[in-house]
Amino acid sequence: MTTHELRSPVRVTESLMMTLADGYVGPLSREQADVVARAQRRLATLHALVDDLLALAAGKADLVSIRITTFDLRAIVTEVTDRFRTVAGEKQVGLAVELPDTQPSTCLSTRLTPSGSW
């Protein structure tokens, strides 16, 4: 399988979602815009995953490392909660989050990063 066969469908779909998001086919309702934005985020994740898998398949595994990063758990949970608050309200579901005061946590990044230049 060539890289084109994996990357092309993802890029075409990303382009189509951008066309919708930019209003080239007409204005989107708030709900439609939300669905398109979610699809764009998922496609960006898929695009990164395909790139990582192709790098590993090309024998570049020794040139790739997993990066340890810190993140602010409160900020991430707040962002996710805000993302679903509208949907929960529309479905008349309560959404509440309680977090203890914590320092940023350390975790392994989900992205492979180049160790050198390829």
N, C-alpha and C. Protein backbone atom coordinates (compact mmCIF):
# COMPACT_ATOMS: atom_id res chain seq x y z
N MET A 1 0.85 -1.18 0.00
CA MET A 1 0.00 0.00 0.00
C MET A 1 0.89 1.24 0.00
N THR A 2 0.58 2.17 -0.84
CA THR A 2 1.37 3.39 -0.93
C THR A 2 0.87 4.43 0.06
N THR A 3 1.72 5.40 0.33
CA THR A 3 1.33 6.45 1.27
C THR A 3 0.14 7.23 0.72
N HIS A 4 0.09 7.37 -0.61
CA HIS A 4 -1.02 8.09 -1.25
C HIS A 4 -2.36 7.45 -0.92
N GLU A 5 -2.41 6.12 -0.90
CA GLU A 5 -3.68 5.43 -0.64
C GLU A 5 -4.18 5.67 0.78
N LEU A 6 -3.29 5.97 1.70
CA LEU A 6 -3.70 6.27 3.08
C LEU A 6 -3.97 7.76 3.28
N ARG A 7 -3.08 8.59 2.76
CA ARG A 7 -3.20 10.02 3.01
C ARG A 7 -4.29 10.70 2.19
N SER A 8 -4.46 10.28 0.96
CA SER A 8 -5.38 10.97 0.06
C SER A 8 -6.82 11.02 0.57
N PRO A 9 -7.42 9.92 1.01
CA PRO A 9 -8.80 10.01 1.49
C PRO A 9 -8.95 10.94 2.70
N VAL A 10 -7.95 10.95 3.57
CA VAL A 10 -8.01 11.82 4.74
C VAL A 10 -7.93 13.28 4.31
N ARG A 11 -7.00 13.58 3.41
CA ARG A 11 -6.84 14.97 2.97
C ARG A 11 -8.04 15.46 2.18
N VAL A 12 -8.61 14.60 1.34
CA VAL A 12 -9.80 15.00 0.58
C VAL A 12 -10.95 15.29 1.54
N THR A 13 -11.13 14.44 2.54
CA THR A 13 -12.20 14.64 3.51
C THR A 13 -11.96 15.90 4.32
N GLU A 14 -10.69 16.16 4.69
CA GLU A 14 -10.36 17.41 5.40
C GLU A 14 -10.73 18.62 4.53
N SER A 15 -10.43 18.53 3.24
CA SER A 15 -10.73 19.63 2.33
C SER A 15 -12.24 19.85 2.20
N LEU A 16 -12.99 18.76 2.13
CA LEU A 16 -14.45 18.89 2.04
C LEU A 16 -15.03 19.50 3.32
N MET A 17 -14.51 19.11 4.47
CA MET A 17 -15.00 19.68 5.73
C MET A 17 -14.66 21.17 5.81
N MET A 18 -13.47 21.55 5.30
CA MET A 18 -13.08 22.96 5.30
C MET A 18 -14.02 23.75 4.38
N THR A 19 -14.39 23.15 3.25
CA THR A 19 -15.33 23.80 2.32
C THR A 19 -16.66 24.07 3.01
N LEU A 20 -17.14 23.08 3.77
CA LEU A 20 -18.39 23.27 4.51
C LEU A 20 -18.23 24.34 5.59
N ALA A 21 -17.14 24.23 6.37
CA ALA A 21 -16.92 25.15 7.49
C ALA A 21 -16.78 26.60 7.02
N ASP A 22 -16.16 26.79 5.85
CA ASP A 22 -15.95 28.14 5.33
C ASP A 22 -17.18 28.72 4.63
N GLY A 23 -18.27 27.95 4.56
CA GLY A 23 -19.52 28.46 4.02
C GLY A 23 -19.61 28.51 2.51
N TYR A 24 -18.76 27.78 1.81
CA TYR A 24 -18.81 27.81 0.35
C TYR A 24 -20.06 27.18 -0.23
N VAL A 25 -20.74 26.34 0.55
CA VAL A 25 -21.98 25.71 0.07
C VAL A 25 -23.19 26.31 0.77
N GLY A 26 -22.98 27.43 1.43
CA GLY A 26 -24.07 28.09 2.13
C GLY A 26 -23.82 28.09 3.63
N PRO A 27 -24.58 28.89 4.33
CA PRO A 27 -24.39 28.99 5.79
C PRO A 27 -24.83 27.70 6.48
N LEU A 28 -24.11 27.38 7.55
CA LEU A 28 -24.44 26.21 8.36
C LEU A 28 -25.18 26.65 9.61
N SER A 29 -26.09 25.81 10.05
CA SER A 29 -26.73 26.07 11.35
C SER A 29 -25.68 25.84 12.44
N ARG A 30 -25.97 26.25 13.63
CA ARG A 30 -25.04 26.05 14.74
C ARG A 30 -24.75 24.56 14.94
N GLU A 31 -25.77 23.74 14.84
CA GLU A 31 -25.59 22.30 15.02
C GLU A 31 -24.73 21.71 13.90
N GLN A 32 -24.99 22.15 12.66
CA GLN A 32 -24.19 21.66 11.54
C GLN A 32 -22.73 22.09 11.67
N ALA A 33 -22.51 23.33 12.07
CA ALA A 33 -21.15 23.83 12.25
C ALA A 33 -20.43 23.04 13.35
N ASP A 34 -21.16 22.67 14.40
CA ASP A 34 -20.58 21.88 15.48
C ASP A 34 -20.16 20.49 14.98
N VAL A 35 -21.01 19.87 14.18
CA VAL A 35 -20.70 18.55 13.62
C VAL A 35 -19.48 18.63 12.71
N VAL A 36 -19.42 19.65 11.87
CA VAL A 36 -18.29 19.82 10.97
C VAL A 36 -17.01 20.06 11.77
N ALA A 37 -17.07 20.88 12.81
CA ALA A 37 -15.89 21.15 13.64
C ALA A 37 -15.40 19.87 14.33
N ARG A 38 -16.35 19.06 14.82
CA ARG A 38 -15.95 17.78 15.45
C ARG A 38 -15.31 16.87 14.42
N ALA A 39 -15.86 16.81 13.22
CA ALA A 39 -15.28 15.98 12.16
C ALA A 39 -13.88 16.46 11.81
N GLN A 40 -13.68 17.77 11.77
CA GLN A 40 -12.36 18.31 11.47
C GLN A 40 -11.34 17.92 12.54
N ARG A 41 -11.74 17.96 13.81
CA ARG A 41 -10.81 17.56 14.88
C ARG A 41 -10.46 16.09 14.77
N ARG A 42 -11.46 15.25 14.48
CA ARG A 42 -11.20 13.81 14.34
C ARG A 42 -10.30 13.52 13.14
N LEU A 43 -10.53 14.25 12.06
CA LEU A 43 -9.70 14.07 10.87
C LEU A 43 -8.26 14.50 11.12
N ALA A 44 -8.07 15.57 11.88
CA ALA A 44 -6.70 16.00 12.21
C ALA A 44 -5.99 14.92 13.02
N THR A 45 -6.71 14.28 13.94
CA THR A 45 -6.13 13.19 14.72
C THR A 45 -5.81 12.02 13.82
N LEU A 46 -6.71 11.68 12.91
CA LEU A 46 -6.49 10.58 11.98
C LEU A 46 -5.30 10.88 11.07
N HIS A 47 -5.20 12.12 10.60
CA HIS A 47 -4.09 12.53 9.75
C HIS A 47 -2.76 12.32 10.48
N ALA A 48 -2.69 12.74 11.72
CA ALA A 48 -1.47 12.57 12.51
C ALA A 48 -1.16 11.09 12.72
N LEU A 49 -2.18 10.29 12.97
CA LEU A 49 -1.98 8.85 13.16
C LEU A 49 -1.44 8.20 11.89
N VAL A 50 -2.01 8.55 10.75
CA VAL A 50 -1.53 8.00 9.47
C VAL A 50 -0.07 8.38 9.26
N ASP A 51 0.28 9.64 9.51
CA ASP A 51 1.67 10.08 9.37
C ASP A 51 2.60 9.29 10.28
N ASP A 52 2.18 9.06 11.52
CA ASP A 52 3.00 8.29 12.47
C ASP A 52 3.17 6.85 12.00
N LEU A 53 2.09 6.24 11.55
CA LEU A 53 2.16 4.85 11.09
C LEU A 53 3.03 4.72 9.85
N LEU A 54 2.94 5.66 8.95
CA LEU A 54 3.77 5.62 7.74
C LEU A 54 5.25 5.83 8.08
N ALA A 55 5.53 6.69 9.05
CA ALA A 55 6.92 6.88 9.47
C ALA A 55 7.48 5.60 10.07
N LEU A 56 6.67 4.93 10.88
CA LEU A 56 7.12 3.67 11.47
C LEU A 56 7.29 2.59 10.40
N ALA A 57 6.36 2.52 9.45
CA ALA A 57 6.43 1.52 8.39
C ALA A 57 7.62 1.76 7.47
N ALA A 58 8.04 2.99 7.33
CA ALA A 58 9.16 3.32 6.46
C ALA A 58 10.50 3.02 7.13
N GLY A 59 10.45 2.41 8.30
CA GLY A 59 11.69 2.07 8.99
C GLY A 59 12.31 3.21 9.74
N LYS A 60 11.52 4.21 10.01
CA LYS A 60 12.03 5.37 10.74
C LYS A 60 11.76 5.27 12.23
N ALA A 61 11.41 4.08 12.68
CA ALA A 61 11.09 3.91 14.10
C ALA A 61 12.25 4.32 14.98
N ASP A 62 13.49 4.09 14.52
CA ASP A 62 14.64 4.45 15.33
C ASP A 62 14.88 5.96 15.33
N LEU A 63 14.23 6.68 14.41
CA LEU A 63 14.38 8.12 14.34
C LEU A 63 13.24 8.86 15.05
N VAL A 64 12.37 8.08 15.70
CA VAL A 64 11.18 8.64 16.32
C VAL A 64 11.21 8.34 17.81
N SER A 65 10.76 9.30 18.59
CA SER A 65 10.69 9.09 20.04
C SER A 65 9.35 9.57 20.57
N ILE A 66 8.97 9.05 21.72
CA ILE A 66 7.77 9.53 22.40
C ILE A 66 8.21 10.65 23.32
N ARG A 67 7.55 11.78 23.22
CA ARG A 67 7.92 12.97 23.98
C ARG A 67 7.13 13.03 25.28
N ILE A 68 7.81 13.25 26.39
CA ILE A 68 7.14 13.43 27.67
C ILE A 68 6.81 14.92 27.81
N THR A 69 5.53 15.19 28.08
CA THR A 69 5.10 16.58 28.21
C THR A 69 4.27 16.75 29.46
N THR A 70 4.14 17.98 29.88
CA THR A 70 3.24 18.28 31.00
C THR A 70 1.98 18.91 30.42
N PHE A 71 0.91 18.76 31.14
CA PHE A 71 -0.33 19.37 30.71
C PHE A 71 -1.14 19.77 31.93
N ASP A 72 -2.03 20.70 31.71
CA ASP A 72 -2.90 21.21 32.76
C ASP A 72 -4.23 20.45 32.67
N LEU A 73 -4.43 19.49 33.56
CA LEU A 73 -5.62 18.66 33.53
C LEU A 73 -6.89 19.50 33.65
N ARG A 74 -6.86 20.52 34.48
CA ARG A 74 -8.03 21.37 34.67
C ARG A 74 -8.42 22.05 33.35
N ALA A 75 -7.46 22.53 32.61
CA ALA A 75 -7.75 23.20 31.33
C ALA A 75 -8.34 22.22 30.32
N ILE A 76 -7.81 21.01 30.28
CA ILE A 76 -8.31 20.01 29.33
C ILE A 76 -9.73 19.61 29.69
N VAL A 77 -9.98 19.33 30.97
CA VAL A 77 -11.32 18.93 31.40
C VAL A 77 -12.31 20.07 31.16
N THR A 78 -11.90 21.30 31.41
CA THR A 78 -12.77 22.45 31.17
C THR A 78 -13.10 22.58 29.70
N GLU A 79 -12.11 22.40 28.83
CA GLU A 79 -12.34 22.48 27.38
C GLU A 79 -13.31 21.40 26.91
N VAL A 80 -13.11 20.19 27.39
CA VAL A 80 -14.00 19.08 26.99
C VAL A 80 -15.41 19.31 27.53
N THR A 81 -15.51 19.76 28.77
CA THR A 81 -16.81 20.03 29.37
C THR A 81 -17.54 21.11 28.59
N ASP A 82 -16.83 22.18 28.24
CA ASP A 82 -17.45 23.26 27.48
C ASP A 82 -17.92 22.77 26.11
N ARG A 83 -17.15 21.87 25.52
CA ARG A 83 -17.49 21.33 24.21
C ARG A 83 -18.81 20.56 24.24
N PHE A 84 -19.08 19.87 25.37
CA PHE A 84 -20.29 19.05 25.46
C PHE A 84 -21.43 19.72 26.22
N ARG A 85 -21.20 20.88 26.79
CA ARG A 85 -22.23 21.55 27.58
C ARG A 85 -23.47 21.88 26.74
N THR A 86 -23.29 22.38 25.53
CA THR A 86 -24.42 22.72 24.67
C THR A 86 -25.24 21.48 24.31
N VAL A 87 -24.55 20.42 23.95
CA VAL A 87 -25.23 19.17 23.59
C VAL A 87 -26.01 18.63 24.79
N ALA A 88 -25.38 18.67 25.96
CA ALA A 88 -26.05 18.19 27.17
C ALA A 88 -27.29 19.03 27.46
N GLY A 89 -27.18 20.36 27.30
CA GLY A 89 -28.32 21.23 27.54
C GLY A 89 -29.46 20.97 26.58
N GLU A 90 -29.12 20.72 25.31
CA GLU A 90 -30.16 20.43 24.32
C GLU A 90 -30.89 19.13 24.64
N LYS A 91 -30.19 18.20 25.26
CA LYS A 91 -30.81 16.92 25.61
C LYS A 91 -31.35 16.93 27.03
N GLN A 92 -31.31 18.13 27.65
CA GLN A 92 -31.79 18.33 29.01
C GLN A 92 -31.10 17.39 29.99
N VAL A 93 -29.79 17.30 29.82
CA VAL A 93 -28.95 16.48 30.71
C VAL A 93 -28.04 17.43 31.47
N GLY A 94 -27.97 17.25 32.77
CA GLY A 94 -27.09 18.08 33.57
C GLY A 94 -25.63 17.68 33.37
N LEU A 95 -24.75 18.64 33.40
CA LEU A 95 -23.32 18.37 33.24
C LEU A 95 -22.58 19.18 34.28
N ALA A 96 -21.95 18.49 35.20
CA ALA A 96 -21.20 19.17 36.26
C ALA A 96 -19.86 18.48 36.43
N VAL A 97 -18.83 19.27 36.68
CA VAL A 97 -17.49 18.74 36.87
C VAL A 97 -16.92 19.37 38.14
N GLU A 98 -16.37 18.54 38.97
CA GLU A 98 -15.69 19.01 40.18
C GLU A 98 -14.27 18.48 40.15
N LEU A 99 -13.30 19.38 40.17
CA LEU A 99 -11.90 18.99 40.15
C LEU A 99 -11.19 19.52 41.38
N PRO A 100 -10.35 18.72 41.97
CA PRO A 100 -9.54 19.24 43.08
C PRO A 100 -8.48 20.19 42.52
N ASP A 101 -7.98 21.09 43.37
CA ASP A 101 -6.88 21.95 42.94
C ASP A 101 -5.63 21.09 42.81
N THR A 102 -5.09 21.02 41.60
CA THR A 102 -3.90 20.20 41.37
C THR A 102 -2.91 20.96 40.53
N GLN A 103 -1.68 20.55 40.62
CA GLN A 103 -0.63 21.07 39.76
C GLN A 103 -0.72 20.35 38.42
N PRO A 104 -0.10 20.90 37.36
CA PRO A 104 -0.10 20.19 36.09
C PRO A 104 0.46 18.77 36.26
N SER A 105 -0.13 17.84 35.56
CA SER A 105 0.30 16.45 35.61
C SER A 105 1.27 16.16 34.47
N THR A 106 2.05 15.11 34.63
CA THR A 106 2.96 14.70 33.58
C THR A 106 2.41 13.45 32.92
N CYS A 107 2.49 13.42 31.60
CA CYS A 107 2.02 12.24 30.88
C CYS A 107 2.86 12.03 29.64
N LEU A 108 2.68 10.90 28.98
CA LEU A 108 3.33 10.64 27.72
C LEU A 108 2.49 11.23 26.61
N SER A 109 3.12 11.91 25.69
CA SER A 109 2.42 12.46 24.55
C SER A 109 1.92 11.33 23.67
N THR A 110 0.81 11.57 22.99
CA THR A 110 0.28 10.56 22.08
C THR A 110 0.88 10.72 20.69
N ARG A 111 1.70 11.73 20.47
CA ARG A 111 2.31 11.96 19.16
C ARG A 111 3.76 11.51 19.18
N LEU A 112 4.15 10.87 18.09
CA LEU A 112 5.55 10.52 17.90
C LEU A 112 6.22 11.76 17.33
N THR A 113 7.42 12.05 17.79
CA THR A 113 8.12 13.24 17.31
C THR A 113 9.48 12.83 16.74
N PRO A 114 9.95 13.54 15.72
CA PRO A 114 11.24 13.19 15.15
C PRO A 114 12.37 13.39 16.15
N SER A 115 13.27 12.42 16.21
CA SER A 115 14.44 12.54 17.06
C SER A 115 15.55 13.28 16.33
N GLY A 116 15.53 13.22 15.04
CA GLY A 116 16.51 13.89 14.20
C GLY A 116 15.82 14.38 12.95
N SER A 117 16.56 14.76 11.96
CA SER A 117 15.91 15.20 10.72
C SER A 117 15.85 14.05 9.74
N TRP A 118 14.75 13.90 9.07
CA TRP A 118 14.62 12.91 8.03
C TRP A 118 14.41 13.62 6.78
